[in-house]
Amino acid sequence: MPPQHYMECALSLARLAMGYTSPNPAVGAVVVKDGLVVGMGYTQPVGSEHAEVMALRQAGDKAKDAAMYVTLEPCSHYGRTPPCTEAIIAAGISEVYIALLDPNPVVSGSGIGRLNQEGIRTYVGIGEQEACEINEAYIKHITTGLPFVVAKFAMSLDGKIATKTGDSKWITSEEARHYAHALRSTFDAIMVGVNTIVADNPHLTARGCGGRSGIGKMQPLRLVVDTEGRIPVNSHVFEPPGEVLVAVATPFDSVRKQELVQAGAEVVEVPARKGSVDIGELLKLLGKREVVTVLVEGGGKVLGSLFDHRLVDKVFAFVSPVIIGGREAASVGGNGVDIMAEALRLSRVDIKIFGDDILVSGYTEKASRRSA
């Protein structure tokens, strides 16, 4: 079999780890001996074994003089786990095919250097584009310190997210909503504005899709952008399982802060910008907390602020064939642009169908340039 075949196998394994390894990258590894796959593995949840170690463990003694195919450069430093390069060396692997160099400055190039130092041949680049796509969020976070931001919204054919009375249940079909919950389960944090909490009182949990669902520590962080701390203390978002972070503008009333803490929230004070929480500063704070991926579910004000400041990396827009009408409840608020030439255009657009609903997804121009 050609090397591409085994690397594709490793990439398939890496996809199995997507959404469950943060803040580590999702990596797949395959050990091949005499044309046969003798070991396979993918990254386990943070603090557990990396893909290379899992594959080597399965291969056992057959790893000696075998080849390894791995989707990301093996780490060569001590972090939460020992270096994967040392495990590869100790197992007697003779050559390593690597899809992508690790952009982490602590690793980049040093993993290959360590393997070469021990006489292990290395080859880089097979499956590089797919490896980049699998770890697009990790790459952004490790190189900028910021999380990968995905804007998700469901709207009518005329661009509304609710009626003029605020009713939004339900714009999309049950099939589309189920997919949205599965999507939630792959993110570190779900972000909404306080108006969404007041209007819809959502739980913001990933339900009915396995994996993280129903496991408190595995639920995404629920993040509410609430400049003045208006969130009701009896909101569903405070119900277990999972953690809740309420971002307010500094300075913030200490009494109200204690009320929110007693309700079950962690309250973080963020500098204000034009009378609202500075979203850019909030993303920096999240990055420092090792929040790698953020799914922003609205409302229009929060989404508008993110789009105005070009802070969105990817978009998931569900479109339902209904007409709501009215001037209120635009899917994306904010200031918008003055001329079409300034409009944010998506690239690498993908279309999925859920019954009568359509999901349009794509990357913003800046995200496309970064991954090119």
Protein backbone atom coordinates (compact mmCIF):
# COMPACT_ATOMS: atom_id res chain seq x y z
CA MET A 1 0.00 0.00 0.00
CA PRO A 2 1.24 3.54 -0.69
CA PRO A 3 2.03 5.82 2.26
CA GLN A 4 -1.09 7.89 1.49
CA HIS A 5 -3.28 4.90 2.38
CA TYR A 6 -1.85 4.53 5.87
CA MET A 7 -1.89 8.27 6.46
CA GLU A 8 -5.58 8.39 5.53
CA CYS A 9 -6.16 5.74 8.15
CA ALA A 10 -4.33 7.90 10.70
CA LEU A 11 -6.41 10.93 9.68
CA SER A 12 -9.61 8.92 10.15
CA LEU A 13 -8.49 8.06 13.65
CA ALA A 14 -7.71 11.71 14.36
CA ARG A 15 -11.27 12.65 13.40
CA LEU A 16 -12.56 10.30 16.11
CA ALA A 17 -10.76 12.44 18.68
CA MET A 18 -12.10 15.78 17.45
CA GLY A 19 -13.85 17.72 20.20
CA TYR A 20 -12.60 15.52 23.05
CA THR A 21 -8.91 16.38 23.44
CA SER A 22 -8.89 20.12 24.12
CA PRO A 23 -6.59 21.91 24.69
CA ASN A 24 -4.49 19.21 23.02
CA PRO A 25 -4.71 18.60 19.27
CA ALA A 26 -6.66 15.65 17.86
CA VAL A 27 -4.09 13.22 16.47
CA GLY A 28 -4.22 9.78 14.89
CA ALA A 29 -1.37 7.28 14.59
CA VAL A 30 -0.86 3.99 12.77
CA VAL A 31 2.03 1.50 13.10
CA VAL A 32 2.75 -0.57 9.97
CA LYS A 33 5.00 -3.66 9.83
CA ASP A 34 5.65 -5.57 6.59
CA GLY A 35 2.63 -3.95 4.94
CA LEU A 36 0.25 -4.78 7.79
CA VAL A 37 -1.27 -2.40 10.31
CA VAL A 38 -0.21 -3.69 13.73
CA GLY A 39 -1.18 -0.73 15.89
CA MET A 40 -3.68 2.12 15.83
CA GLY A 41 -4.50 4.92 18.24
CA TYR A 42 -5.85 8.42 18.66
CA THR A 43 -5.44 11.10 21.30
CA GLN A 44 -7.25 10.44 24.55
CA PRO A 45 -8.82 13.17 26.74
CA VAL A 46 -6.37 15.67 28.18
CA GLY A 47 -3.97 14.17 30.71
CA SER A 48 -4.18 10.70 29.14
CA GLU A 49 -2.13 9.06 26.41
CA HIS A 50 -1.39 10.62 23.04
CA ALA A 51 -2.09 8.85 19.75
CA GLU A 52 1.47 7.57 19.28
CA VAL A 53 1.54 5.86 22.67
CA MET A 54 -1.86 4.25 22.08
CA ALA A 55 -0.72 2.87 18.71
CA LEU A 56 2.59 1.61 20.10
CA ARG A 57 0.82 -0.07 22.99
CA GLN A 58 -1.37 -2.00 20.57
CA ALA A 59 1.59 -2.89 18.35
CA GLY A 60 3.70 -4.23 21.21
CA ASP A 61 6.87 -6.00 20.09
CA LYS A 62 5.78 -5.69 16.45
CA ALA A 63 6.69 -2.00 16.58
CA LYS A 64 10.40 -2.81 16.25
CA ASP A 65 11.67 -1.78 12.79
CA ALA A 66 8.13 -0.75 11.84
CA ALA A 67 6.92 2.53 10.31
CA MET A 68 4.64 4.98 12.05
CA TYR A 69 2.16 7.29 10.34
CA VAL A 70 1.04 10.18 12.51
CA THR A 71 -1.05 13.25 11.68
CA LEU A 72 0.97 15.72 13.78
CA GLU A 73 4.63 15.98 14.70
CA PRO A 74 5.31 13.90 17.85
CA CYS A 75 5.93 16.00 20.94
CA SER A 76 9.45 16.11 22.34
CA HIS A 77 8.82 17.82 25.68
CA TYR A 78 7.34 16.97 29.04
CA GLY A 79 3.83 18.41 29.43
CA ARG A 80 0.92 16.61 31.05
CA THR A 81 2.44 13.41 29.64
CA PRO A 82 6.00 12.30 28.74
CA PRO A 83 7.39 13.02 25.23
CA CYS A 84 6.01 10.82 22.46
CA THR A 85 9.38 10.92 20.71
CA GLU A 86 10.93 8.92 23.56
CA ALA A 87 8.21 6.27 23.31
CA ILE A 88 8.81 6.00 19.56
CA ILE A 89 12.55 5.66 20.05
CA ALA A 90 12.16 3.08 22.82
CA ALA A 91 9.78 0.99 20.67
CA GLY A 92 12.35 0.70 17.88
CA ILE A 93 10.35 2.43 15.14
CA SER A 94 12.56 2.85 12.05
CA GLU A 95 10.71 5.62 10.16
CA VAL A 96 7.95 8.12 10.84
CA TYR A 97 5.63 9.73 8.31
CA ILE A 98 4.21 13.02 9.61
CA ALA A 99 1.33 14.91 8.02
CA LEU A 100 1.88 18.27 9.72
CA LEU A 101 4.62 19.98 11.71
CA ASP A 102 3.33 21.08 15.10
CA PRO A 103 2.91 24.90 15.08
CA ASN A 104 3.47 24.93 18.83
CA PRO A 105 6.84 26.73 19.20
CA VAL A 106 7.71 24.36 22.04
CA VAL A 107 7.52 21.42 19.63
CA SER A 108 7.86 22.69 16.06
CA GLY A 109 10.79 20.93 14.42
CA SER A 110 12.21 19.60 17.68
CA GLY A 111 10.18 16.39 17.50
CA ILE A 112 11.61 15.57 14.09
CA GLY A 113 15.05 16.66 15.26
CA ARG A 114 14.94 14.29 18.20
CA LEU A 115 13.88 11.35 16.01
CA ASN A 116 16.57 12.11 13.41
CA GLN A 117 19.13 12.32 16.18
CA GLU A 118 18.42 8.67 16.95
CA GLY A 119 18.65 7.65 13.29
CA ILE A 120 14.90 7.45 12.69
CA ARG A 121 13.97 8.62 9.19
CA THR A 122 11.18 11.18 8.98
CA TYR A 123 8.97 12.27 6.07
CA VAL A 124 6.68 15.31 6.27
CA GLY A 125 3.70 16.49 4.24
CA ILE A 126 1.48 13.57 3.28
CA GLY A 127 -2.10 14.56 4.22
CA GLU A 128 -1.03 18.00 5.41
CA GLN A 129 -4.18 19.86 4.31
CA GLU A 130 -6.53 17.40 6.00
CA ALA A 131 -4.42 17.48 9.15
CA CYS A 132 -4.69 21.29 9.15
CA GLU A 133 -8.47 21.13 8.87
CA ILE A 134 -8.79 18.61 11.69
CA ASN A 135 -6.77 20.85 14.01
CA GLU A 136 -7.77 24.28 12.70
CA ALA A 137 -8.85 25.38 16.18
CA TYR A 138 -5.68 24.12 17.86
CA ILE A 139 -3.54 25.84 15.23
CA LYS A 140 -5.26 29.19 15.79
CA HIS A 141 -5.08 28.92 19.57
CA ILE A 142 -1.44 27.85 19.74
CA THR A 143 -0.30 30.56 17.32
CA THR A 144 -2.47 33.50 18.47
CA GLY A 145 -3.55 32.67 22.01
CA LEU A 146 -7.18 33.11 20.93
CA PRO A 147 -9.98 30.56 20.62
CA PHE A 148 -11.44 29.46 17.31
CA VAL A 149 -14.81 31.23 17.06
CA VAL A 150 -17.79 29.70 15.27
CA ALA A 151 -21.00 31.68 14.81
CA LYS A 152 -24.15 29.53 14.68
CA PHE A 153 -27.66 30.80 14.11
CA ALA A 154 -30.99 29.57 12.78
CA MET A 155 -33.04 31.99 10.74
CA SER A 156 -36.08 32.28 8.55
CA LEU A 157 -35.80 32.78 4.81
CA ASP A 158 -36.03 36.52 5.42
CA GLY A 159 -33.19 36.51 7.98
CA LYS A 160 -35.14 36.60 11.26
CA ILE A 161 -34.27 34.64 14.40
CA ALA A 162 -37.64 35.27 16.08
CA THR A 163 -41.00 36.94 15.62
CA LYS A 164 -41.68 40.52 16.74
CA THR A 165 -42.92 39.11 20.08
CA GLY A 166 -39.67 37.18 20.59
CA ASP A 167 -41.07 33.72 19.83
CA SER A 168 -38.39 31.51 18.24
CA LYS A 169 -39.53 27.94 19.01
CA TRP A 170 -38.97 26.50 16.59
CA ILE A 171 -37.61 28.00 13.40
CA THR A 172 -35.84 24.82 12.32
CA SER A 173 -36.87 21.17 12.30
CA GLU A 174 -36.15 18.60 15.00
CA GLU A 175 -33.59 16.99 12.69
CA ALA A 176 -31.64 20.25 12.38
CA ARG A 177 -31.84 20.87 16.13
CA HIS A 178 -30.47 17.41 16.85
CA TYR A 179 -27.49 18.15 14.62
CA ALA A 180 -27.00 21.45 16.45
CA HIS A 181 -26.80 19.61 19.78
CA ALA A 182 -24.26 17.19 18.35
CA LEU A 183 -22.29 20.23 17.18
CA ARG A 184 -22.39 21.72 20.69
CA SER A 185 -20.81 18.61 22.14
CA THR A 186 -17.58 19.20 20.19
CA PHE A 187 -16.95 22.71 21.57
CA ASP A 188 -15.20 23.91 24.71
CA ALA A 189 -17.66 26.76 25.31
CA ILE A 190 -21.11 27.91 24.19
CA MET A 191 -21.53 31.71 24.16
CA VAL A 192 -24.77 33.70 24.17
CA GLY A 193 -25.82 37.21 25.11
CA VAL A 194 -28.01 37.86 28.14
CA ASN A 195 -30.96 38.81 25.91
CA THR A 196 -31.03 35.22 24.64
CA ILE A 197 -31.17 33.97 28.24
CA VAL A 198 -34.00 36.36 29.13
CA ALA A 199 -36.02 35.61 25.97
CA ASP A 200 -35.50 31.86 25.58
CA ASN A 201 -34.15 30.62 28.94
CA PRO A 202 -32.02 27.91 27.27
CA HIS A 203 -30.02 25.25 29.11
CA LEU A 204 -27.07 25.51 26.67
CA THR A 205 -26.18 21.87 27.16
CA ALA A 206 -25.32 19.20 24.60
CA ARG A 207 -28.11 16.66 24.84
CA GLY A 208 -28.89 13.33 23.26
CA CYS A 209 -25.71 12.86 21.24
CA GLY A 210 -23.45 10.69 23.40
CA GLY A 211 -19.91 11.54 24.48
CA ARG A 212 -20.10 14.67 26.55
CA SER A 213 -23.87 14.55 26.98
CA GLY A 214 -25.01 14.18 30.56
CA ILE A 215 -21.52 14.16 32.01
CA GLY A 216 -21.01 17.32 34.05
CA LYS A 217 -17.30 17.79 33.56
CA MET A 218 -17.64 16.99 29.85
CA GLN A 219 -20.35 19.54 29.10
CA PRO A 220 -19.18 22.69 27.29
CA LEU A 221 -18.61 25.79 29.39
CA ARG A 222 -21.77 27.95 29.28
CA LEU A 223 -20.75 31.54 28.74
CA VAL A 224 -23.18 34.46 29.05
CA VAL A 225 -22.15 37.94 27.91
CA ASP A 226 -24.02 40.17 30.33
CA THR A 227 -22.64 43.71 30.59
CA GLU A 228 -24.84 44.80 33.50
CA GLY A 229 -25.40 41.43 35.18
CA ARG A 230 -29.10 41.22 34.30
CA ILE A 231 -29.30 37.42 34.07
CA PRO A 232 -32.09 36.01 36.30
CA VAL A 233 -30.67 33.80 39.05
CA ASN A 234 -33.32 31.15 38.34
CA SER A 235 -32.27 30.73 34.69
CA HIS A 236 -31.98 27.19 33.34
CA VAL A 237 -28.35 27.88 32.46
CA PHE A 238 -27.46 27.64 36.18
CA GLU A 239 -28.84 24.10 36.44
CA PRO A 240 -26.28 21.27 36.46
CA PRO A 241 -24.41 19.71 34.81
CA GLY A 242 -21.56 21.93 33.68
CA GLU A 243 -19.87 25.21 34.46
CA VAL A 244 -21.30 28.69 33.91
CA LEU A 245 -19.26 31.82 33.26
CA VAL A 246 -20.96 35.23 33.28
CA ALA A 247 -18.92 38.01 31.65
CA VAL A 248 -19.80 41.45 33.02
CA ALA A 249 -18.34 44.90 32.47
CA THR A 250 -15.89 46.23 35.02
CA PRO A 251 -16.40 47.74 37.56
CA PHE A 252 -19.25 45.51 38.72
CA ASP A 253 -21.44 45.65 41.81
CA SER A 254 -20.02 43.31 44.45
CA VAL A 255 -23.42 42.44 45.94
CA ARG A 256 -24.86 41.42 42.58
CA LYS A 257 -21.68 39.48 41.86
CA GLN A 258 -22.16 37.44 45.02
CA GLU A 259 -25.76 36.71 44.05
CA LEU A 260 -24.62 35.30 40.73
CA VAL A 261 -21.90 33.26 42.40
CA GLN A 262 -24.46 31.78 44.80
CA ALA A 263 -26.65 30.92 41.80
CA GLY A 264 -23.78 28.82 40.43
CA ALA A 265 -21.83 31.16 38.16
CA GLU A 266 -18.25 32.23 37.96
CA VAL A 267 -18.31 35.97 37.33
CA VAL A 268 -15.50 37.52 35.33
CA GLU A 269 -15.14 41.27 34.93
CA VAL A 270 -14.08 42.45 31.47
CA PRO A 271 -13.27 45.98 30.27
CA ALA A 272 -16.15 47.73 28.52
CA ARG A 273 -16.12 49.07 24.99
CA LYS A 274 -18.81 51.54 23.93
CA GLY A 275 -20.98 50.52 26.86
CA SER A 276 -20.74 46.75 26.39
CA VAL A 277 -18.36 43.94 27.35
CA ASP A 278 -15.36 44.14 25.05
CA ILE A 279 -15.72 40.89 23.10
CA GLY A 280 -12.10 41.00 21.93
CA GLU A 281 -10.83 41.20 25.52
CA LEU A 282 -13.19 38.41 26.52
CA LEU A 283 -11.75 36.14 23.82
CA LYS A 284 -8.23 36.89 25.06
CA LEU A 285 -9.31 35.87 28.56
CA LEU A 286 -10.83 32.65 27.24
CA GLY A 287 -7.65 31.86 25.35
CA LYS A 288 -5.62 32.20 28.54
CA ARG A 289 -8.00 29.72 30.19
CA GLU A 290 -7.20 27.21 27.41
CA VAL A 291 -10.65 27.50 25.86
CA VAL A 292 -9.77 26.50 22.31
CA THR A 293 -13.19 26.50 20.63
CA VAL A 294 -16.22 28.76 21.16
CA LEU A 295 -19.63 28.26 19.58
CA VAL A 296 -21.56 31.54 19.57
CA GLU A 297 -25.32 31.01 19.41
CA GLY A 298 -26.57 34.59 19.61
CA GLY A 299 -28.33 36.74 19.88
CA GLY A 300 -28.04 39.27 17.13
CA LYS A 301 -26.21 41.84 19.25
CA VAL A 302 -23.39 39.49 20.27
CA LEU A 303 -23.09 38.06 16.77
CA GLY A 304 -23.09 41.57 15.31
CA SER A 305 -20.26 42.66 17.61
CA LEU A 306 -18.18 39.64 16.64
CA PHE A 307 -18.75 40.16 12.93
CA ASP A 308 -18.15 43.92 13.17
CA HIS A 309 -14.74 43.29 14.72
CA ARG A 310 -13.90 40.39 12.36
CA LEU A 311 -13.57 37.92 15.24
CA VAL A 312 -15.50 35.04 13.65
CA ASP A 313 -13.59 32.18 12.03
CA LYS A 314 -16.41 29.99 10.79
CA VAL A 315 -20.17 30.21 10.30
CA PHE A 316 -22.99 27.67 10.62
CA ALA A 317 -26.24 29.21 9.37
CA PHE A 318 -29.43 27.14 9.41
CA VAL A 319 -32.04 28.52 7.02
CA SER A 320 -35.68 27.46 7.26
CA PRO A 321 -38.16 28.08 4.41
CA VAL A 322 -40.50 30.29 6.46
CA ILE A 323 -41.20 34.02 6.23
CA ILE A 324 -41.55 35.89 9.54
CA GLY A 325 -41.48 39.53 8.47
CA GLY A 326 -41.15 42.64 10.63
CA ARG A 327 -38.21 44.88 11.38
CA GLU A 328 -37.03 43.21 14.58
CA ALA A 329 -34.95 40.12 15.34
CA ALA A 330 -32.28 40.25 12.65
CA SER A 331 -30.00 37.23 12.76
CA VAL A 332 -26.88 39.42 12.88
CA GLY A 333 -26.99 42.89 14.42
CA GLY A 334 -24.13 45.30 14.95
CA ASN A 335 -23.14 48.20 12.73
CA GLY A 336 -22.78 46.22 9.53
CA VAL A 337 -20.88 47.46 6.50
CA ASP A 338 -21.44 50.51 4.31
CA ILE A 339 -20.78 48.95 0.92
CA MET A 340 -20.93 45.41 -0.48
CA ALA A 341 -17.20 45.40 -1.11
CA GLU A 342 -16.72 45.40 2.68
CA ALA A 343 -19.11 42.48 3.29
CA LEU A 344 -17.63 39.42 4.99
CA ARG A 345 -17.59 36.67 2.40
CA LEU A 346 -17.38 32.98 3.24
CA SER A 347 -15.11 30.52 1.46
CA ARG A 348 -14.97 26.72 1.39
CA VAL A 349 -18.74 26.78 1.62
CA ASP A 350 -20.57 23.54 2.39
CA ILE A 351 -24.31 22.81 2.13
CA LYS A 352 -26.22 20.19 4.14
CA ILE A 353 -29.93 19.41 4.01
CA PHE A 354 -32.06 18.56 7.06
CA GLY A 355 -35.59 17.91 5.86
CA ASP A 356 -36.72 21.27 4.46
CA ASP A 357 -33.95 23.15 6.27
CA ILE A 358 -30.58 24.07 4.79
CA LEU A 359 -27.29 24.41 6.67
CA VAL A 360 -24.79 26.74 5.05
CA SER A 361 -21.31 26.62 6.57
CA GLY A 362 -18.05 28.26 5.59
CA TYR A 363 -14.96 30.10 6.71
CA THR A 364 -14.46 33.82 6.91
CA GLU A 365 -11.85 35.34 4.62
CA LYS A 366 -9.29 35.85 7.39
CA ALA A 367 -9.66 32.27 8.57
CA SER A 368 -9.13 31.05 5.02
CA ARG A 369 -5.96 33.09 4.67
CA ARG A 370 -4.61 31.78 7.96
CA SER A 371 -5.12 28.13 7.00
CA ALA A 372 -3.84 28.54 3.45
